[in-house]
């Protein structure tokens, strides 16, 4: 995931802003490999795995 994607992403529940937490990134490309996006309003974390943000609400995700 490119960090610039954060400019267009919002919480799917409340449409609020998201905070980016990076756990692993590719230094060459600057892409985020793993981390999460956090909505303060809803107290929901959306995981980023293999560079792909999962924007499904927790009750919609398969565990």
PDB file of N, CA and C in Angstrom:
ATOM      1  N   UNK A   1       0.845  -1.166   0.000  1.00  0.00           N
ATOM      2  CA  UNK A   1       0.000   0.000   0.000  1.00  0.00           C
ATOM      3  C   UNK A   1       0.893   1.233   0.000  1.00  0.00           C
ATOM      4  N   UNK A   2       0.602   2.161  -0.857  1.00  0.00           N
ATOM      5  CA  UNK A   2       1.321   3.426  -0.868  1.00  0.00           C
ATOM      6  C   UNK A   2       0.746   4.339   0.224  1.00  0.00           C
ATOM      7  N   UNK A   3       1.607   5.024   0.984  1.00  0.00           N
ATOM      8  CA  UNK A   3       1.103   5.913   2.038  1.00  0.00           C
ATOM      9  C   UNK A   3       0.150   6.984   1.511  1.00  0.00           C
ATOM     10  N   UNK A   4       0.298   7.390   0.265  1.00  0.00           N
ATOM     11  CA  UNK A   4      -0.584   8.424  -0.295  1.00  0.00           C
ATOM     12  C   UNK A   4      -2.038   7.950  -0.395  1.00  0.00           C
ATOM     13  N   UNK A   5      -2.272   6.648  -0.346  1.00  0.00           N
ATOM     14  CA  UNK A   5      -3.632   6.104  -0.393  1.00  0.00           C
ATOM     15  C   UNK A   5      -4.445   6.564   0.818  1.00  0.00           C
ATOM     16  N   UNK A   6      -3.766   6.883   1.910  1.00  0.00           N
ATOM     17  CA  UNK A   6      -4.443   7.339   3.123  1.00  0.00           C
ATOM     18  C   UNK A   6      -5.260   8.602   2.877  1.00  0.00           C
ATOM     19  N   UNK A   7      -4.868   9.397   1.890  1.00  0.00           N
ATOM     20  CA  UNK A   7      -5.585  10.637   1.574  1.00  0.00           C
ATOM     21  C   UNK A   7      -7.012  10.380   1.089  1.00  0.00           C
ATOM     22  N   UNK A   8      -7.251   9.205   0.481  1.00  0.00           N
ATOM     23  CA  UNK A   8      -8.584   8.929  -0.066  1.00  0.00           C
ATOM     24  C   UNK A   8      -9.359   7.878   0.733  1.00  0.00           C
ATOM     25  N   UNK A   9      -8.691   7.198   1.676  1.00  0.00           N
ATOM     26  CA  UNK A   9      -9.383   6.197   2.482  1.00  0.00           C
ATOM     27  C   UNK A   9     -10.048   6.848   3.679  1.00  0.00           C
ATOM     28  N   UNK A  10     -11.186   6.280   4.075  1.00  0.00           N
ATOM     29  CA  UNK A  10     -11.869   6.726   5.285  1.00  0.00           C
ATOM     30  C   UNK A  10     -12.490   5.502   5.950  1.00  0.00           C
ATOM     31  N   UNK A  11     -12.915   5.666   7.164  1.00  0.00           N
ATOM     32  CA  UNK A  11     -13.566   4.579   7.889  1.00  0.00           C
ATOM     33  C   UNK A  11     -14.866   4.217   7.172  1.00  0.00           C
ATOM     34  N   UNK A  12     -15.073   2.936   6.870  1.00  0.00           N
ATOM     35  CA  UNK A  12     -16.314   2.546   6.189  1.00  0.00           C
ATOM     36  C   UNK A  12     -17.559   2.667   7.063  1.00  0.00           C
ATOM     37  N   UNK A  13     -17.371   2.768   8.376  1.00  0.00           N
ATOM     38  CA  UNK A  13     -18.526   2.864   9.278  1.00  0.00           C
ATOM     39  C   UNK A  13     -18.973   4.313   9.474  1.00  0.00           C
ATOM     40  N   UNK A  14     -18.022   5.213   9.823  1.00  0.00           N
ATOM     41  CA  UNK A  14     -18.395   6.584  10.149  1.00  0.00           C
ATOM     42  C   UNK A  14     -17.878   7.607   9.136  1.00  0.00           C
ATOM     43  N   UNK A  15     -17.095   7.157   8.174  1.00  0.00           N
ATOM     44  CA  UNK A  15     -16.492   8.027   7.143  1.00  0.00           C
ATOM     45  C   UNK A  15     -15.455   8.995   7.724  1.00  0.00           C
ATOM     46  N   UNK A  16     -14.968   8.686   8.937  1.00  0.00           N
ATOM     47  CA  UNK A  16     -13.966   9.521   9.589  1.00  0.00           C
ATOM     48  C   UNK A  16     -12.559   9.255   9.084  1.00  0.00           C
ATOM     49  N   UNK A  17     -11.623  10.082   9.534  1.00  0.00           N
ATOM     50  CA  UNK A  17     -10.220   9.937   9.165  1.00  0.00           C
ATOM     51  C   UNK A  17      -9.614   8.714   9.844  1.00  0.00           C
ATOM     52  N   UNK A  18      -8.566   8.186   9.204  1.00  0.00           N
ATOM     53  CA  UNK A  18      -7.862   7.020   9.717  1.00  0.00           C
ATOM     54  C   UNK A  18      -6.426   7.385  10.062  1.00  0.00           C
ATOM     55  N   UNK A  19      -5.895   6.763  11.112  1.00  0.00           N
ATOM     56  CA  UNK A  19      -4.491   6.903  11.477  1.00  0.00           C
ATOM     57  C   UNK A  19      -3.739   5.706  10.915  1.00  0.00           C
ATOM     58  N   UNK A  20      -2.562   5.949  10.383  1.00  0.00           N
ATOM     59  CA  UNK A  20      -1.737   4.894   9.821  1.00  0.00           C
ATOM     60  C   UNK A  20      -0.699   4.455  10.831  1.00  0.00           C
ATOM     61  N   UNK A  21      -0.610   3.141  11.073  1.00  0.00           N
ATOM     62  CA  UNK A  21       0.433   2.545  11.914  1.00  0.00           C
ATOM     63  C   UNK A  21       1.183   1.549  11.028  1.00  0.00           C
ATOM     64  N   UNK A  22       2.465   1.809  10.802  1.00  0.00           N
ATOM     65  CA  UNK A  22       3.285   0.961   9.929  1.00  0.00           C
ATOM     66  C   UNK A  22       4.091  -0.005  10.781  1.00  0.00           C
ATOM     67  N   UNK A  23       3.983  -1.305  10.464  1.00  0.00           N
ATOM     68  CA  UNK A  23       4.771  -2.330  11.145  1.00  0.00           C
ATOM     69  C   UNK A  23       5.969  -2.727  10.284  1.00  0.00           C
ATOM     70  N   UNK A  24       5.774  -2.784   8.960  1.00  0.00           N
ATOM     71  CA  UNK A  24       6.843  -3.166   8.031  1.00  0.00           C
ATOM     72  C   UNK A  24       6.635  -2.428   6.721  1.00  0.00           C
ATOM     73  N   UNK A  25       7.727  -1.893   6.159  1.00  0.00           N
ATOM     74  CA  UNK A  25       7.633  -1.221   4.868  1.00  0.00           C
ATOM     75  C   UNK A  25       8.840  -1.576   4.011  1.00  0.00           C
ATOM     76  N   UNK A  26       8.693  -1.398   2.720  1.00  0.00           N
ATOM     77  CA  UNK A  26       9.769  -1.627   1.757  1.00  0.00           C
ATOM     78  C   UNK A  26      10.522  -0.315   1.609  1.00  0.00           C
ATOM     79  N   UNK A  27      11.786  -0.303   2.001  1.00  0.00           N
ATOM     80  CA  UNK A  27      12.559   0.942   1.984  1.00  0.00           C
ATOM     81  C   UNK A  27      12.759   1.485   0.572  1.00  0.00           C
ATOM     82  N   UNK A  28      12.921   0.606  -0.406  1.00  0.00           N
ATOM     83  CA  UNK A  28      13.141   1.056  -1.791  1.00  0.00           C
ATOM     84  C   UNK A  28      11.920   1.748  -2.371  1.00  0.00           C
ATOM     85  N   UNK A  29      10.771   1.089  -2.301  1.00  0.00           N
ATOM     86  CA  UNK A  29       9.556   1.622  -2.927  1.00  0.00           C
ATOM     87  C   UNK A  29       8.770   2.542  -1.989  1.00  0.00           C
ATOM     88  N   UNK A  30       9.001   2.423  -0.682  1.00  0.00           N
ATOM     89  CA  UNK A  30       8.240   3.206   0.293  1.00  0.00           C
ATOM     90  C   UNK A  30       6.867   2.623   0.575  1.00  0.00           C
ATOM     91  N   UNK A  31       6.562   1.477  -0.022  1.00  0.00           N
ATOM     92  CA  UNK A  31       5.246   0.859   0.177  1.00  0.00           C
ATOM     93  C   UNK A  31       5.150   0.195   1.548  1.00  0.00           C
ATOM     94  N   UNK A  32       3.951   0.226   2.110  1.00  0.00           N
ATOM     95  CA  UNK A  32       3.689  -0.386   3.407  1.00  0.00           C
ATOM     96  C   UNK A  32       3.336  -1.852   3.177  1.00  0.00           C
ATOM     97  N   UNK A  33       4.076  -2.739   3.831  1.00  0.00           N
ATOM     98  CA  UNK A  33       3.853  -4.182   3.710  1.00  0.00           C
ATOM     99  C   UNK A  33       2.839  -4.646   4.751  1.00  0.00           C
ATOM    100  N   UNK A  34       3.034  -4.205   6.002  1.00  0.00           N
ATOM    101  CA  UNK A  34       2.084  -4.572   7.050  1.00  0.00           C
ATOM    102  C   UNK A  34       1.923  -3.409   8.023  1.00  0.00           C
ATOM    103  N   UNK A  35       0.757  -3.379   8.641  1.00  0.00           N
ATOM    104  CA  UNK A  35       0.424  -2.324   9.582  1.00  0.00           C
ATOM    105  C   UNK A  35      -1.069  -2.318   9.810  1.00  0.00           C
ATOM    106  N   UNK A  36      -1.590  -1.179  10.201  1.00  0.00           N
ATOM    107  CA  UNK A  36      -3.038  -1.058  10.291  1.00  0.00           C
ATOM    108  C   UNK A  36      -3.467   0.391  10.153  1.00  0.00           C
ATOM    109  N   UNK A  37      -4.741   0.529   9.866  1.00  0.00           N
ATOM    110  CA  UNK A  37      -5.400   1.831   9.798  1.00  0.00           C
ATOM    111  C   UNK A  37      -6.372   1.853  10.966  1.00  0.00           C
ATOM    112  N   UNK A  38      -6.361   2.949  11.721  1.00  0.00           N
ATOM    113  CA  UNK A  38      -7.156   3.013  12.945  1.00  0.00           C
ATOM    114  C   UNK A  38      -8.125   4.181  12.896  1.00  0.00           C
ATOM    115  N   UNK A  39      -9.389   3.902  13.216  1.00  0.00           N
ATOM    116  CA  UNK A  39     -10.409   4.942  13.336  1.00  0.00           C
ATOM    117  C   UNK A  39     -10.621   5.226  14.820  1.00  0.00           C
ATOM    118  N   UNK A  40     -10.279   6.450  15.255  1.00  0.00           N
ATOM    119  CA  UNK A  40     -10.467   6.840  16.657  1.00  0.00           C
ATOM    120  C   UNK A  40     -11.948   6.896  17.026  1.00  0.00           C
ATOM    121  N   UNK A  41     -12.780   7.373  16.097  1.00  0.00           N
ATOM    122  CA  UNK A  41     -14.210   7.526  16.383  1.00  0.00           C
ATOM    123  C   UNK A  41     -14.878   6.199  16.718  1.00  0.00           C
ATOM    124  N   UNK A  42     -14.550   5.162  15.943  1.00  0.00           N
ATOM    125  CA  UNK A  42     -15.190   3.854  16.098  1.00  0.00           C
ATOM    126  C   UNK A  42     -14.351   2.870  16.907  1.00  0.00           C
ATOM    127  N   UNK A  43     -13.087   3.226  17.187  1.00  0.00           N
ATOM    128  CA  UNK A  43     -12.139   2.343  17.864  1.00  0.00           C
ATOM    129  C   UNK A  43     -12.011   1.011  17.115  1.00  0.00           C
ATOM    130  N   UNK A  44     -11.805   1.114  15.800  1.00  0.00           N
ATOM    131  CA  UNK A  44     -11.669  -0.062  14.946  1.00  0.00           C
ATOM    132  C   UNK A  44     -10.321   0.000  14.231  1.00  0.00           C
ATOM    133  N   UNK A  45      -9.634  -1.149  14.196  1.00  0.00           N
ATOM    134  CA  UNK A  45      -8.384  -1.298  13.456  1.00  0.00           C
ATOM    135  C   UNK A  45      -8.669  -2.073  12.167  1.00  0.00           C
ATOM    136  N   UNK A  46      -8.125  -1.576  11.062  1.00  0.00           N
ATOM    137  CA  UNK A  46      -8.233  -2.243   9.775  1.00  0.00           C
ATOM    138  C   UNK A  46      -6.829  -2.698   9.392  1.00  0.00           C
ATOM    139  N   UNK A  47      -6.587  -4.016   9.318  1.00  0.00           N
ATOM    140  CA  UNK A  47      -5.232  -4.501   9.086  1.00  0.00           C
ATOM    141  C   UNK A  47      -4.750  -4.272   7.652  1.00  0.00           C
ATOM    142  N   UNK A  48      -3.440  -4.093   7.535  1.00  0.00           N
ATOM    143  CA  UNK A  48      -2.770  -4.060   6.228  1.00  0.00           C
ATOM    144  C   UNK A  48      -1.883  -5.295   6.198  1.00  0.00           C
ATOM    145  N   UNK A  49      -2.153  -6.203   5.286  1.00  0.00           N
ATOM    146  CA  UNK A  49      -1.390  -7.447   5.174  1.00  0.00           C
ATOM    147  C   UNK A  49      -0.938  -7.620   3.734  1.00  0.00           C
ATOM    148  N   UNK A  50       0.343  -7.906   3.553  1.00  0.00           N
ATOM    149  CA  UNK A  50       0.926  -8.069   2.215  1.00  0.00           C
ATOM    150  C   UNK A  50       0.639  -6.852   1.336  1.00  0.00           C
ATOM    151  N   UNK A  51       0.626  -5.664   1.953  1.00  0.00           N
ATOM    152  CA  UNK A  51       0.427  -4.424   1.213  1.00  0.00           C
ATOM    153  C   UNK A  51      -1.009  -4.093   0.860  1.00  0.00           C
ATOM    154  N   UNK A  52      -1.961  -4.886   1.366  1.00  0.00           N
ATOM    155  CA  UNK A  52      -3.373  -4.685   1.020  1.00  0.00           C
ATOM    156  C   UNK A  52      -4.177  -4.347   2.276  1.00  0.00           C
ATOM    157  N   UNK A  53      -4.814  -3.161   2.307  1.00  0.00           N
ATOM    158  CA  UNK A  53      -5.649  -2.830   3.467  1.00  0.00           C
ATOM    159  C   UNK A  53      -6.987  -3.573   3.410  1.00  0.00           C
ATOM    160  N   UNK A  54      -7.372  -4.166   4.533  1.00  0.00           N
ATOM    161  CA  UNK A  54      -8.657  -4.863   4.640  1.00  0.00           C
ATOM    162  C   UNK A  54      -9.633  -3.887   5.281  1.00  0.00           C
ATOM    163  N   UNK A  55     -10.507  -3.299   4.460  1.00  0.00           N
ATOM    164  CA  UNK A  55     -11.417  -2.267   4.937  1.00  0.00           C
ATOM    165  C   UNK A  55     -12.783  -2.817   5.345  1.00  0.00           C
ATOM    166  N   UNK A  56     -12.881  -4.120   5.528  1.00  0.00           N
ATOM    167  CA  UNK A  56     -14.129  -4.700   6.019  1.00  0.00           C
ATOM    168  C   UNK A  56     -14.248  -4.449   7.520  1.00  0.00           C
ATOM    169  N   UNK A  57     -15.464  -4.243   7.983  1.00  0.00           N
ATOM    170  CA  UNK A  57     -15.708  -4.103   9.412  1.00  0.00           C
ATOM    171  C   UNK A  57     -15.401  -5.440  10.090  1.00  0.00           C
ATOM    172  N   UNK A  58     -15.003  -5.430  11.359  1.00  0.00           N
ATOM    173  CA  UNK A  58     -14.615  -6.675  12.032  1.00  0.00           C
ATOM    174  C   UNK A  58     -15.657  -7.790  11.924  1.00  0.00           C
ATOM    175  N   UNK A  59     -16.932  -7.433  12.007  1.00  0.00           N
ATOM    176  CA  UNK A  59     -17.970  -8.490  11.945  1.00  0.00           C
ATOM    177  C   UNK A  59     -18.114  -9.071  10.539  1.00  0.00           C
ATOM    178  N   UNK A  60     -17.538  -8.436   9.533  1.00  0.00           N
ATOM    179  CA  UNK A  60     -17.612  -8.933   8.163  1.00  0.00           C
ATOM    180  C   UNK A  60     -16.385  -9.747   7.748  1.00  0.00           C
ATOM    181  N   UNK A  61     -15.330  -9.714   8.557  1.00  0.00           N
ATOM    182  CA  UNK A  61     -14.094 -10.415   8.231  1.00  0.00           C
ATOM    183  C   UNK A  61     -14.165 -11.875   8.614  1.00  0.00           C
ATOM    184  N   UNK A  62     -13.540 -12.700   7.789  1.00  0.00           N
ATOM    185  CA  UNK A  62     -13.391 -14.119   8.123  1.00  0.00           C
ATOM    186  C   UNK A  62     -12.142 -14.266   8.965  1.00  0.00           C
ATOM    187  N   UNK A  63     -12.233 -14.950  10.037  1.00  0.00           N
ATOM    188  CA  UNK A  63     -11.052 -15.170  10.903  1.00  0.00           C
ATOM    189  C   UNK A  63     -10.423 -16.488  10.612  1.00  0.00           C
TER     190      UNK A  63
END
